[in-house]
Amino acid sequence: TLKELIEKSRFFFLDRVEVNVGYKMVRKAF
């Protein structure tokens, strides 16, 4: 949906983002 599109793309509209270190894939990448 368009709302889901915005939710998944919210980072495009923010001044900065905070990395979610809780994701397993995030920990794996680093």
All heavy atoms as atom14 arrays in JSON, in Angstrom:
{
  "sequence": "TLKELIEKSRFFFLDRVEVNVGYKMVRKAF",
  "atom14_mask": [
    [1, 1, 1, 1, 1, 1, 1, 0, 0, 0, 0, 0, 0, 0],
    [1, 1, 1, 1, 1, 1, 1, 1, 0, 0, 0, 0, 0, 0],
    [1, 1, 1, 1, 1, 1, 1, 1, 1, 0, 0, 0, 0, 0],
    [1, 1, 1, 1, 1, 1, 1, 1, 1, 0, 0, 0, 0, 0],
    [1, 1, 1, 1, 1, 1, 1, 1, 0, 0, 0, 0, 0, 0],
    [1, 1, 1, 1, 1, 1, 1, 1, 0, 0, 0, 0, 0, 0],
    [1, 1, 1, 1, 1, 1, 1, 1, 1, 0, 0, 0, 0, 0],
    [1, 1, 1, 1, 1, 1, 1, 1, 1, 0, 0, 0, 0, 0],
    [1, 1, 1, 1, 1, 1, 0, 0, 0, 0, 0, 0, 0, 0],
    [1, 1, 1, 1, 1, 1, 1, 1, 1, 1, 1, 0, 0, 0],
    [1, 1, 1, 1, 1, 1, 1, 1, 1, 1, 1, 0, 0, 0],
    [1, 1, 1, 1, 1, 1, 1, 1, 1, 1, 1, 0, 0, 0],
    [1, 1, 1, 1, 1, 1, 1, 1, 1, 1, 1, 0, 0, 0],
    [1, 1, 1, 1, 1, 1, 1, 1, 0, 0, 0, 0, 0, 0],
    [1, 1, 1, 1, 1, 1, 1, 1, 0, 0, 0, 0, 0, 0],
    [1, 1, 1, 1, 1, 1, 1, 1, 1, 1, 1, 0, 0, 0],
    [1, 1, 1, 1, 1, 1, 1, 0, 0, 0, 0, 0, 0, 0],
    [1, 1, 1, 1, 1, 1, 1, 1, 1, 0, 0, 0, 0, 0],
    [1, 1, 1, 1, 1, 1, 1, 0, 0, 0, 0, 0, 0, 0],
    [1, 1, 1, 1, 1, 1, 1, 1, 0, 0, 0, 0, 0, 0],
    [1, 1, 1, 1, 1, 1, 1, 0, 0, 0, 0, 0, 0, 0],
    [1, 1, 1, 1, 0, 0, 0, 0, 0, 0, 0, 0, 0, 0],
    [1, 1, 1, 1, 1, 1, 1, 1, 1, 1, 1, 1, 0, 0],
    [1, 1, 1, 1, 1, 1, 1, 1, 1, 0, 0, 0, 0, 0],
    [1, 1, 1, 1, 1, 1, 1, 1, 0, 0, 0, 0, 0, 0],
    [1, 1, 1, 1, 1, 1, 1, 0, 0, 0, 0, 0, 0, 0],
    [1, 1, 1, 1, 1, 1, 1, 1, 1, 1, 1, 0, 0, 0],
    [1, 1, 1, 1, 1, 1, 1, 1, 1, 0, 0, 0, 0, 0],
    [1, 1, 1, 1, 1, 0, 0, 0, 0, 0, 0, 0, 0, 0],
    [1, 1, 1, 1, 1, 1, 1, 1, 1, 1, 1, 0, 0, 0]
  ],
  "atom14_positions": [
    [[0.84, -1.19, 0.0], [0.0, 0.0, 0.0], [0.88, 1.24, 0.0], [2.08, 1.17, 0.26], [-0.9, 0.05, 1.25], [-0.09, 0.27, 2.41], [-1.68, -1.26, 1.43], [0.0, 0.0, 0.0], [0.0, 0.0, 0.0], [0.0, 0.0, 0.0], [0.0, 0.0, 0.0], [0.0, 0.0, 0.0], [0.0, 0.0, 0.0], [0.0, 0.0, 0.0]],
    [[0.27, 2.4, -0.26], [1.03, 3.64, -0.24], [1.52, 3.96, 1.17], [2.62, 4.49, 1.34], [0.17, 4.78, -0.78], [-0.18, 4.69, -2.27], [-1.06, 5.87, -2.68], [1.08, 4.66, -3.13], [0.0, 0.0, 0.0], [0.0, 0.0, 0.0], [0.0, 0.0, 0.0], [0.0, 0.0, 0.0], [0.0, 0.0, 0.0], [0.0, 0.0, 0.0]],
    [[0.73, 3.65, 2.18], [1.17, 3.9, 3.55], [2.36, 3.02, 3.89], [3.33, 3.46, 4.52], [0.03, 3.64, 4.53], [0.39, 3.96, 5.97], [-0.8, 3.83, 6.9], [-0.42, 4.2, 8.34], [-1.58, 4.1, 9.25], [0.0, 0.0, 0.0], [0.0, 0.0, 0.0], [0.0, 0.0, 0.0], [0.0, 0.0, 0.0], [0.0, 0.0, 0.0]],
    [[2.3, 1.75, 3.48], [3.42, 0.85, 3.73], [4.65, 1.31, 2.96], [5.78, 1.19, 3.45], [3.03, -0.57, 3.32], [4.02, -1.63, 3.74], [3.55, -3.03, 3.42], [2.33, -3.27, 3.47], [4.4, -3.88, 3.11], [0.0, 0.0, 0.0], [0.0, 0.0, 0.0], [0.0, 0.0, 0.0], [0.0, 0.0, 0.0], [0.0, 0.0, 0.0]],
    [[4.44, 1.84, 1.76], [5.55, 2.38, 0.98], [6.26, 3.5, 1.75], [7.48, 3.56, 1.82], [5.04, 2.89, -0.37], [6.07, 3.33, -1.42], [5.47, 3.17, -2.81], [6.52, 4.76, -1.23], [0.0, 0.0, 0.0], [0.0, 0.0, 0.0], [0.0, 0.0, 0.0], [0.0, 0.0, 0.0], [0.0, 0.0, 0.0], [0.0, 0.0, 0.0]],
    [[5.47, 4.38, 2.35], [6.05, 5.49, 3.13], [6.79, 4.96, 4.34], [7.9, 5.4, 4.66], [4.96, 6.49, 3.55], [4.35, 7.16, 2.31], [5.52, 7.54, 4.5], [3.12, 7.99, 2.61], [0.0, 0.0, 0.0], [0.0, 0.0, 0.0], [0.0, 0.0, 0.0], [0.0, 0.0, 0.0], [0.0, 0.0, 0.0], [0.0, 0.0, 0.0]],
    [[6.18, 3.99, 5.03], [6.83, 3.43, 6.22], [8.17, 2.81, 5.88], [9.15, 2.97, 6.59], [5.92, 2.4, 6.89], [4.73, 3.0, 7.62], [5.17, 3.94, 8.72], [6.08, 3.59, 9.5], [4.61, 5.05, 8.79], [0.0, 0.0, 0.0], [0.0, 0.0, 0.0], [0.0, 0.0, 0.0], [0.0, 0.0, 0.0], [0.0, 0.0, 0.0]],
    [[8.23, 2.08, 4.78], [9.47, 1.42, 4.39], [10.48, 2.4, 3.78], [11.65, 2.06, 3.62], [9.17, 0.3, 3.39], [8.43, -0.89, 3.99], [8.16, -1.94, 2.95], [7.47, -3.17, 3.57], [8.34, -3.89, 4.51], [0.0, 0.0, 0.0], [0.0, 0.0, 0.0], [0.0, 0.0, 0.0], [0.0, 0.0, 0.0], [0.0, 0.0, 0.0]],
    [[10.03, 3.6, 3.44], [10.91, 4.6, 2.82], [11.08, 5.83, 3.7], [11.59, 6.85, 3.23], [10.33, 5.02, 1.45], [10.09, 3.9, 0.64], [0.0, 0.0, 0.0], [0.0, 0.0, 0.0], [0.0, 0.0, 0.0], [0.0, 0.0, 0.0], [0.0, 0.0, 0.0], [0.0, 0.0, 0.0], [0.0, 0.0, 0.0], [0.0, 0.0, 0.0]],
    [[10.67, 5.73, 4.95], [10.69, 6.89, 5.85], [12.09, 7.5, 5.95], [12.25, 8.72, 6.07], [10.19, 6.48, 7.22], [10.12, 7.59, 8.24], [9.49, 7.1, 9.53], [8.08, 6.84, 9.36], [7.14, 7.75, 9.53], [7.46, 8.98, 9.89], [5.87, 7.44, 9.36], [0.0, 0.0, 0.0], [0.0, 0.0, 0.0], [0.0, 0.0, 0.0]],
    [[13.12, 6.66, 5.91], [14.49, 7.16, 6.07], [14.88, 8.17, 5.0], [15.76, 8.98, 5.2], [15.49, 5.99, 6.08], [15.48, 5.17, 4.82], [16.22, 5.55, 3.71], [14.72, 4.01, 4.75], [16.22, 4.79, 2.56], [14.71, 3.24, 3.59], [15.46, 3.63, 2.49], [0.0, 0.0, 0.0], [0.0, 0.0, 0.0], [0.0, 0.0, 0.0]],
    [[14.2, 8.13, 3.85], [14.51, 9.1, 2.79], [14.11, 10.52, 3.2], [14.66, 11.49, 2.69], [13.76, 8.74, 1.5], [14.38, 7.6, 0.72], [13.66, 6.44, 0.48], [15.66, 7.7, 0.22], [14.21, 5.4, -0.25], [16.23, 6.66, -0.52], [15.5, 5.51, -0.74], [0.0, 0.0, 0.0], [0.0, 0.0, 0.0], [0.0, 0.0, 0.0]],
    [[13.14, 10.63, 4.08], [12.58, 11.94, 4.42], [13.12, 12.51, 5.74], [12.77, 13.62, 6.12], [11.05, 11.84, 4.51], [10.42, 11.41, 3.22], [10.16, 10.07, 2.96], [10.08, 12.36, 2.25], [9.58, 9.67, 1.77], [9.5, 11.96, 1.05], [9.25, 10.62, 0.81], [0.0, 0.0, 0.0], [0.0, 0.0, 0.0], [0.0, 0.0, 0.0]],
    [[13.98, 11.75, 6.42], [14.51, 12.19, 7.71], [15.85, 12.89, 7.54], [16.61, 12.62, 6.61], [14.68, 10.98, 8.63], [13.42, 10.16, 8.93], [13.76, 8.94, 9.76], [12.37, 11.02, 9.62], [0.0, 0.0, 0.0], [0.0, 0.0, 0.0], [0.0, 0.0, 0.0], [0.0, 0.0, 0.0], [0.0, 0.0, 0.0], [0.0, 0.0, 0.0]],
    [[16.16, 13.81, 8.49], [17.45, 14.49, 8.45], [18.58, 13.52, 8.8], [19.66, 13.58, 8.22], [17.46, 15.67, 9.45], [16.5, 16.77, 9.02], [16.27, 16.91, 7.8], [15.99, 17.49, 9.88], [0.0, 0.0, 0.0], [0.0, 0.0, 0.0], [0.0, 0.0, 0.0], [0.0, 0.0, 0.0], [0.0, 0.0, 0.0], [0.0, 0.0, 0.0]],
    [[18.33, 12.65, 9.76], [19.31, 11.61, 10.12], [18.55, 10.36, 10.57], [17.35, 10.44, 10.84], [20.27, 12.08, 11.22], [19.64, 12.27, 12.58], [20.7, 12.61, 13.63], [21.69, 11.57, 13.8], [21.54, 10.52, 14.63], [20.44, 10.39, 15.36], [22.49, 9.61, 14.75], [0.0, 0.0, 0.0], [0.0, 0.0, 0.0], [0.0, 0.0, 0.0]],
    [[19.24, 9.25, 10.62], [18.64, 8.0, 11.05], [19.44, 7.43, 12.22], [20.61, 7.76, 12.42], [18.59, 6.96, 9.91], [17.68, 7.42, 8.79], [19.98, 6.65, 9.4], [0.0, 0.0, 0.0], [0.0, 0.0, 0.0], [0.0, 0.0, 0.0], [0.0, 0.0, 0.0], [0.0, 0.0, 0.0], [0.0, 0.0, 0.0], [0.0, 0.0, 0.0]],
    [[18.78, 6.58, 12.99], [19.46, 5.86, 14.07], [19.47, 4.39, 13.72], [18.42, 3.78, 13.51], [18.75, 6.1, 15.39], [19.44, 5.44, 16.58], [18.79, 5.8, 17.9], [18.8, 7.0, 18.26], [18.26, 4.87, 18.56], [0.0, 0.0, 0.0], [0.0, 0.0, 0.0], [0.0, 0.0, 0.0], [0.0, 0.0, 0.0], [0.0, 0.0, 0.0]],
    [[20.66, 3.83, 13.63], [20.8, 2.43, 13.25], [20.22, 1.54, 14.34], [20.49, 1.73, 15.53], [22.28, 2.08, 13.01], [22.42, 0.56, 12.77], [22.81, 2.83, 11.81], [0.0, 0.0, 0.0], [0.0, 0.0, 0.0], [0.0, 0.0, 0.0], [0.0, 0.0, 0.0], [0.0, 0.0, 0.0], [0.0, 0.0, 0.0], [0.0, 0.0, 0.0]],
    [[19.41, 0.57, 13.93], [18.83, -0.39, 14.86], [19.8, -1.55, 15.02], [19.88, -2.45, 14.17], [17.49, -0.89, 14.32], [16.75, -1.77, 15.31], [17.34, -2.29, 16.26], [15.47, -1.94, 15.09], [0.0, 0.0, 0.0], [0.0, 0.0, 0.0], [0.0, 0.0, 0.0], [0.0, 0.0, 0.0], [0.0, 0.0, 0.0], [0.0, 0.0, 0.0]],
    [[20.57, -1.55, 16.13], [21.59, -2.59, 16.34], [20.95, -3.9, 16.8], [21.65, -4.9, 16.98], [22.64, -2.13, 17.38], [23.42, -0.94, 16.84], [21.98, -1.8, 18.71], [0.0, 0.0, 0.0], [0.0, 0.0, 0.0], [0.0, 0.0, 0.0], [0.0, 0.0, 0.0], [0.0, 0.0, 0.0], [0.0, 0.0, 0.0], [0.0, 0.0, 0.0]],
    [[19.63, -3.91, 16.96], [18.95, -5.14, 17.38], [18.78, -6.14, 16.24], [18.54, -7.32, 16.49], [0.0, 0.0, 0.0], [0.0, 0.0, 0.0], [0.0, 0.0, 0.0], [0.0, 0.0, 0.0], [0.0, 0.0, 0.0], [0.0, 0.0, 0.0], [0.0, 0.0, 0.0], [0.0, 0.0, 0.0], [0.0, 0.0, 0.0], [0.0, 0.0, 0.0]],
    [[18.88, -5.68, 14.99], [18.73, -6.58, 13.86], [19.92, -7.54, 13.78], [21.08, -7.13, 13.83], [18.65, -5.8, 12.55], [17.31, -5.18, 12.27], [17.21, -3.8, 12.05], [16.16, -5.94, 12.17], [15.98, -3.21, 11.76], [14.93, -5.37, 11.89], [14.86, -4.0, 11.69], [13.64, -3.42, 11.41], [0.0, 0.0, 0.0], [0.0, 0.0, 0.0]],
    [[19.64, -8.82, 13.62], [20.69, -9.82, 13.47], [21.52, -9.53, 12.22], [22.76, -9.67, 12.24], [20.07, -11.21, 13.38], [21.08, -12.34, 13.24], [20.39, -13.69, 13.19], [21.41, -14.82, 13.05], [20.73, -16.16, 13.01], [0.0, 0.0, 0.0], [0.0, 0.0, 0.0], [0.0, 0.0, 0.0], [0.0, 0.0, 0.0], [0.0, 0.0, 0.0]],
    [[20.86, -9.1, 11.15], [21.58, -8.82, 9.9], [22.49, -7.6, 10.04], [23.51, -7.51, 9.37], [20.58, -8.61, 8.76], [19.82, -9.86, 8.39], [18.62, -9.59, 7.05], [19.74, -9.22, 5.71], [0.0, 0.0, 0.0], [0.0, 0.0, 0.0], [0.0, 0.0, 0.0], [0.0, 0.0, 0.0], [0.0, 0.0, 0.0], [0.0, 0.0, 0.0]],
    [[22.12, -6.67, 10.93], [22.99, -5.51, 11.19], [24.25, -5.97, 11.91], [25.38, -5.6, 11.55], [22.24, -4.45, 12.02], [23.2, -3.38, 12.53], [21.13, -3.82, 11.19], [0.0, 0.0, 0.0], [0.0, 0.0, 0.0], [0.0, 0.0, 0.0], [0.0, 0.0, 0.0], [0.0, 0.0, 0.0], [0.0, 0.0, 0.0], [0.0, 0.0, 0.0]],
    [[24.07, -6.78, 12.94], [25.23, -7.28, 13.69], [26.15, -8.11, 12.8], [27.38, -8.02, 12.89], [24.75, -8.12, 14.88], [23.91, -7.32, 15.89], [23.8, -8.08, 17.2], [23.13, -9.36, 17.04], [21.82, -9.52, 17.13], [21.02, -8.47, 17.35], [21.28, -10.72, 16.99], [0.0, 0.0, 0.0], [0.0, 0.0, 0.0], [0.0, 0.0, 0.0]],
    [[25.54, -8.9, 11.92], [26.34, -9.74, 11.02], [27.18, -8.9, 10.06], [28.34, -9.22, 9.79], [25.4, -10.66, 10.22], [26.12, -11.6, 9.27], [25.13, -12.5, 8.54], [25.86, -13.42, 7.56], [24.9, -14.29, 6.82], [0.0, 0.0, 0.0], [0.0, 0.0, 0.0], [0.0, 0.0, 0.0], [0.0, 0.0, 0.0], [0.0, 0.0, 0.0]],
    [[26.59, -7.8, 9.56], [27.31, -6.95, 8.6], [28.52, -6.28, 9.21], [29.47, -5.91, 8.51], [26.36, -5.92, 8.03], [0.0, 0.0, 0.0], [0.0, 0.0, 0.0], [0.0, 0.0, 0.0], [0.0, 0.0, 0.0], [0.0, 0.0, 0.0], [0.0, 0.0, 0.0], [0.0, 0.0, 0.0], [0.0, 0.0, 0.0], [0.0, 0.0, 0.0]],
    [[28.51, -6.09, 10.56], [29.6, -5.4, 11.22], [30.4, -6.32, 12.15], [31.11, -5.86, 13.04], [29.05, -4.2, 12.02], [28.66, -3.05, 11.15], [27.39, -3.01, 10.59], [29.54, -2.03, 10.86], [27.0, -1.96, 9.77], [29.18, -0.97, 10.04], [27.91, -0.93, 9.48], [0.0, 0.0, 0.0], [0.0, 0.0, 0.0], [0.0, 0.0, 0.0]]
  ]
}
